[in-house]
Amino acid sequence: MSISSISGADRVMAIRAQILERNAALQKAAQVGGNAAPATNDAASGAGNSFAATLNAALKQVNASQSAAQQASEAYERGETVDVAQVMLARQKASVAFEATLQARNKLLSAYKDIMSMPV
């Protein structure tokens, strides 16, 4: 019984470590995006334009990271001198960026549904 509980505890600690790593990566991405947001808010006259511009820029960054990961993977598959660690790092960056975008989309849809279901 103690052996299975130790392996279960190890799995929980491994999952916890993954969550903490992803949280740190998301916070870092939010800080990078957060630094650019005030400039667009001050420059734009309307809140809708700055939100759309910020969202568009974030989607372009996610697309760029996915393209870079794809190019690195293809270069590695062709046998070019590409470090496998760089390929895996690029793929993980793209994965984290996509997950963050997906979570933001889910939150936006949830907020929209909540607003639409409010009685007038």
C-alpha atoms as a PDB file:
ATOM      1  CA  MET A   1       0.000   0.000   0.000  1.00  0.00           C
ATOM      2  CA  SER A   2       2.776   2.447   0.765  1.00  0.00           C
ATOM      3  CA  ILE A   3       4.421   1.842  -2.624  1.00  0.00           C
ATOM      4  CA  SER A   4       1.245   2.715  -4.523  1.00  0.00           C
ATOM      5  CA  SER A   5       0.689   5.799  -2.375  1.00  0.00           C
ATOM      6  CA  ILE A   6       4.252   6.930  -3.023  1.00  0.00           C
ATOM      7  CA  SER A   7       3.832   6.568  -6.777  1.00  0.00           C
ATOM      8  CA  GLY A   8       0.490   8.390  -6.504  1.00  0.00           C
ATOM      9  CA  ALA A   9       2.148  11.176  -4.549  1.00  0.00           C
ATOM     10  CA  ASP A  10       4.904  11.365  -7.155  1.00  0.00           C
ATOM     11  CA  ARG A  11       2.300  11.695  -9.898  1.00  0.00           C
ATOM     12  CA  VAL A  12       0.534  14.444  -7.991  1.00  0.00           C
ATOM     13  CA  MET A  13       3.810  16.292  -7.473  1.00  0.00           C
ATOM     14  CA  ALA A  14       4.668  15.919 -11.172  1.00  0.00           C
ATOM     15  CA  ILE A  15       1.268  17.313 -12.158  1.00  0.00           C
ATOM     16  CA  ARG A  16       1.717  20.152  -9.656  1.00  0.00           C
ATOM     17  CA  ALA A  17       5.125  20.961 -11.156  1.00  0.00           C
ATOM     18  CA  GLN A  18       3.610  21.043 -14.662  1.00  0.00           C
ATOM     19  CA  ILE A  19       0.834  23.348 -13.506  1.00  0.00           C
ATOM     20  CA  LEU A  20       3.318  25.694 -11.852  1.00  0.00           C
ATOM     21  CA  GLU A  21       5.481  25.767 -14.988  1.00  0.00           C
ATOM     22  CA  ARG A  22       2.513  26.561 -17.220  1.00  0.00           C
ATOM     23  CA  ASN A  23       1.261  29.175 -14.775  1.00  0.00           C
ATOM     24  CA  ALA A  24       4.669  30.859 -14.811  1.00  0.00           C
ATOM     25  CA  ALA A  25       4.709  30.793 -18.616  1.00  0.00           C
ATOM     26  CA  LEU A  26       1.191  32.262 -18.792  1.00  0.00           C
ATOM     27  CA  GLN A  27       2.085  34.991 -16.297  1.00  0.00           C
ATOM     28  CA  LYS A  28       5.177  35.840 -18.323  1.00  0.00           C
ATOM     29  CA  ALA A  29       3.086  35.981 -21.505  1.00  0.00           C
ATOM     30  CA  ALA A  30       0.521  38.166 -19.722  1.00  0.00           C
ATOM     31  CA  GLN A  31       3.246  40.552 -18.584  1.00  0.00           C
ATOM     32  CA  VAL A  32       4.590  40.827 -22.128  1.00  0.00           C
ATOM     33  CA  GLY A  33       1.070  41.440 -23.448  1.00  0.00           C
ATOM     34  CA  GLY A  34       0.251  43.681 -20.495  1.00  0.00           C
ATOM     35  CA  ASN A  35       3.175  45.964 -21.267  1.00  0.00           C
ATOM     36  CA  ALA A  36       1.901  46.558 -24.786  1.00  0.00           C
ATOM     37  CA  ALA A  37      -1.763  47.075 -23.813  1.00  0.00           C
ATOM     38  CA  PRO A  38      -1.493  50.508 -22.116  1.00  0.00           C
ATOM     39  CA  ALA A  39       0.146  52.039 -25.196  1.00  0.00           C
ATOM     40  CA  THR A  40      -2.702  50.883 -27.424  1.00  0.00           C
ATOM     41  CA  ASN A  41      -5.291  52.096 -24.899  1.00  0.00           C
ATOM     42  CA  ASP A  42      -3.777  55.578 -24.812  1.00  0.00           C
ATOM     43  CA  ALA A  43      -3.324  55.782 -28.573  1.00  0.00           C
ATOM     44  CA  ALA A  44      -6.795  54.564 -29.529  1.00  0.00           C
ATOM     45  CA  SER A  45      -9.778  56.823 -29.179  1.00  0.00           C
ATOM     46  CA  GLY A  46     -12.301  54.034 -28.517  1.00  0.00           C
ATOM     47  CA  ALA A  47     -12.127  51.051 -26.202  1.00  0.00           C
ATOM     48  CA  GLY A  48     -13.433  48.739 -28.940  1.00  0.00           C
ATOM     49  CA  ASN A  49     -10.574  49.559 -31.293  1.00  0.00           C
ATOM     50  CA  SER A  50      -7.888  48.949 -28.699  1.00  0.00           C
ATOM     51  CA  PHE A  51      -9.459  45.638 -27.657  1.00  0.00           C
ATOM     52  CA  ALA A  52      -9.708  44.478 -31.264  1.00  0.00           C
ATOM     53  CA  ALA A  53      -6.144  45.561 -31.981  1.00  0.00           C
ATOM     54  CA  THR A  54      -4.838  43.842 -28.860  1.00  0.00           C
ATOM     55  CA  LEU A  55      -6.736  40.663 -29.659  1.00  0.00           C
ATOM     56  CA  ASN A  56      -5.526  40.719 -33.252  1.00  0.00           C
ATOM     57  CA  ALA A  57      -1.911  41.213 -32.157  1.00  0.00           C
ATOM     58  CA  ALA A  58      -2.182  38.335 -29.681  1.00  0.00           C
ATOM     59  CA  LEU A  59      -3.580  36.028 -32.355  1.00  0.00           C
ATOM     60  CA  LYS A  60      -0.778  37.011 -34.718  1.00  0.00           C
ATOM     61  CA  GLN A  61       1.797  36.192 -32.013  1.00  0.00           C
ATOM     62  CA  VAL A  62       0.223  32.771 -31.462  1.00  0.00           C
ATOM     63  CA  ASN A  63       0.223  32.137 -35.200  1.00  0.00           C
ATOM     64  CA  ALA A  64       3.863  33.197 -35.456  1.00  0.00           C
ATOM     65  CA  SER A  65       4.900  30.868 -32.623  1.00  0.00           C
ATOM     66  CA  GLN A  66       3.043  27.975 -34.248  1.00  0.00           C
ATOM     67  CA  SER A  67       4.683  28.725 -37.594  1.00  0.00           C
ATOM     68  CA  ALA A  68       8.122  28.858 -35.974  1.00  0.00           C
ATOM     69  CA  ALA A  69       7.499  25.522 -34.252  1.00  0.00           C
ATOM     70  CA  GLN A  70       6.361  23.979 -37.544  1.00  0.00           C
ATOM     71  CA  GLN A  71       9.430  25.275 -39.372  1.00  0.00           C
ATOM     72  CA  ALA A  72      11.751  23.987 -36.646  1.00  0.00           C
ATOM     73  CA  SER A  73      10.077  20.565 -36.743  1.00  0.00           C
ATOM     74  CA  GLU A  74      10.343  20.397 -40.529  1.00  0.00           C
ATOM     75  CA  ALA A  75      14.008  21.428 -40.431  1.00  0.00           C
ATOM     76  CA  TYR A  76      14.718  18.712 -37.884  1.00  0.00           C
ATOM     77  CA  GLU A  77      12.862  16.124 -39.982  1.00  0.00           C
ATOM     78  CA  ARG A  78      14.884  17.106 -43.062  1.00  0.00           C
ATOM     79  CA  GLY A  79      18.063  16.409 -41.109  1.00  0.00           C
ATOM     80  CA  GLU A  80      19.298  19.978 -40.926  1.00  0.00           C
ATOM     81  CA  THR A  81      21.510  20.881 -38.000  1.00  0.00           C
ATOM     82  CA  VAL A  82      18.780  21.853 -35.561  1.00  0.00           C
ATOM     83  CA  ASP A  83      19.049  21.129 -31.856  1.00  0.00           C
ATOM     84  CA  VAL A  84      16.225  18.842 -30.746  1.00  0.00           C
ATOM     85  CA  ALA A  85      15.884  20.853 -27.532  1.00  0.00           C
ATOM     86  CA  GLN A  86      15.170  23.997 -29.561  1.00  0.00           C
ATOM     87  CA  VAL A  87      12.547  22.133 -31.571  1.00  0.00           C
ATOM     88  CA  MET A  88      10.815  20.863 -28.437  1.00  0.00           C
ATOM     89  CA  LEU A  89      11.029  24.296 -26.800  1.00  0.00           C
ATOM     90  CA  ALA A  90       9.438  25.929 -29.847  1.00  0.00           C
ATOM     91  CA  ARG A  91       6.659  23.342 -29.849  1.00  0.00           C
ATOM     92  CA  GLN A  92       5.999  23.854 -26.130  1.00  0.00           C
ATOM     93  CA  LYS A  93       5.906  27.632 -26.551  1.00  0.00           C
ATOM     94  CA  ALA A  94       3.373  27.234 -29.349  1.00  0.00           C
ATOM     95  CA  SER A  95       1.336  24.841 -27.220  1.00  0.00           C
ATOM     96  CA  VAL A  96       1.251  27.182 -24.225  1.00  0.00           C
ATOM     97  CA  ALA A  97       0.344  30.136 -26.432  1.00  0.00           C
ATOM     98  CA  PHE A  98      -2.481  28.176 -28.048  1.00  0.00           C
ATOM     99  CA  GLU A  99      -3.798  26.988 -24.675  1.00  0.00           C
ATOM    100  CA  ALA A 100      -3.788  30.553 -23.343  1.00  0.00           C
ATOM    101  CA  THR A 101      -5.669  31.729 -26.431  1.00  0.00           C
ATOM    102  CA  LEU A 102      -8.168  28.916 -26.066  1.00  0.00           C
ATOM    103  CA  GLN A 103      -8.774  29.768 -22.400  1.00  0.00           C
ATOM    104  CA  ALA A 104      -9.251  33.449 -23.258  1.00  0.00           C
ATOM    105  CA  ARG A 105     -11.750  32.497 -25.959  1.00  0.00           C
ATOM    106  CA  ASN A 106     -13.642  30.284 -23.520  1.00  0.00           C
ATOM    107  CA  LYS A 107     -13.814  33.097 -20.965  1.00  0.00           C
ATOM    108  CA  LEU A 108     -15.035  35.549 -23.592  1.00  0.00           C
ATOM    109  CA  LEU A 109     -17.741  33.145 -24.759  1.00  0.00           C
ATOM    110  CA  SER A 110     -18.811  32.518 -21.185  1.00  0.00           C
ATOM    111  CA  ALA A 111     -19.042  36.254 -20.504  1.00  0.00           C
ATOM    112  CA  TYR A 112     -21.016  36.764 -23.717  1.00  0.00           C
ATOM    113  CA  LYS A 113     -23.457  34.001 -22.778  1.00  0.00           C
ATOM    114  CA  ASP A 114     -23.868  35.475 -19.296  1.00  0.00           C
ATOM    115  CA  ILE A 115     -24.596  38.913 -20.717  1.00  0.00           C
ATOM    116  CA  MET A 116     -27.025  37.565 -23.282  1.00  0.00           C
ATOM    117  CA  SER A 117     -28.943  35.611 -20.650  1.00  0.00           C
ATOM    118  CA  MET A 118     -29.436  38.663 -18.411  1.00  0.00           C
ATOM    119  CA  PRO A 119     -32.992  39.935 -18.237  1.00  0.00           C
ATOM    120  CA  VAL A 120     -33.474  43.414 -19.623  1.00  0.00           C
END
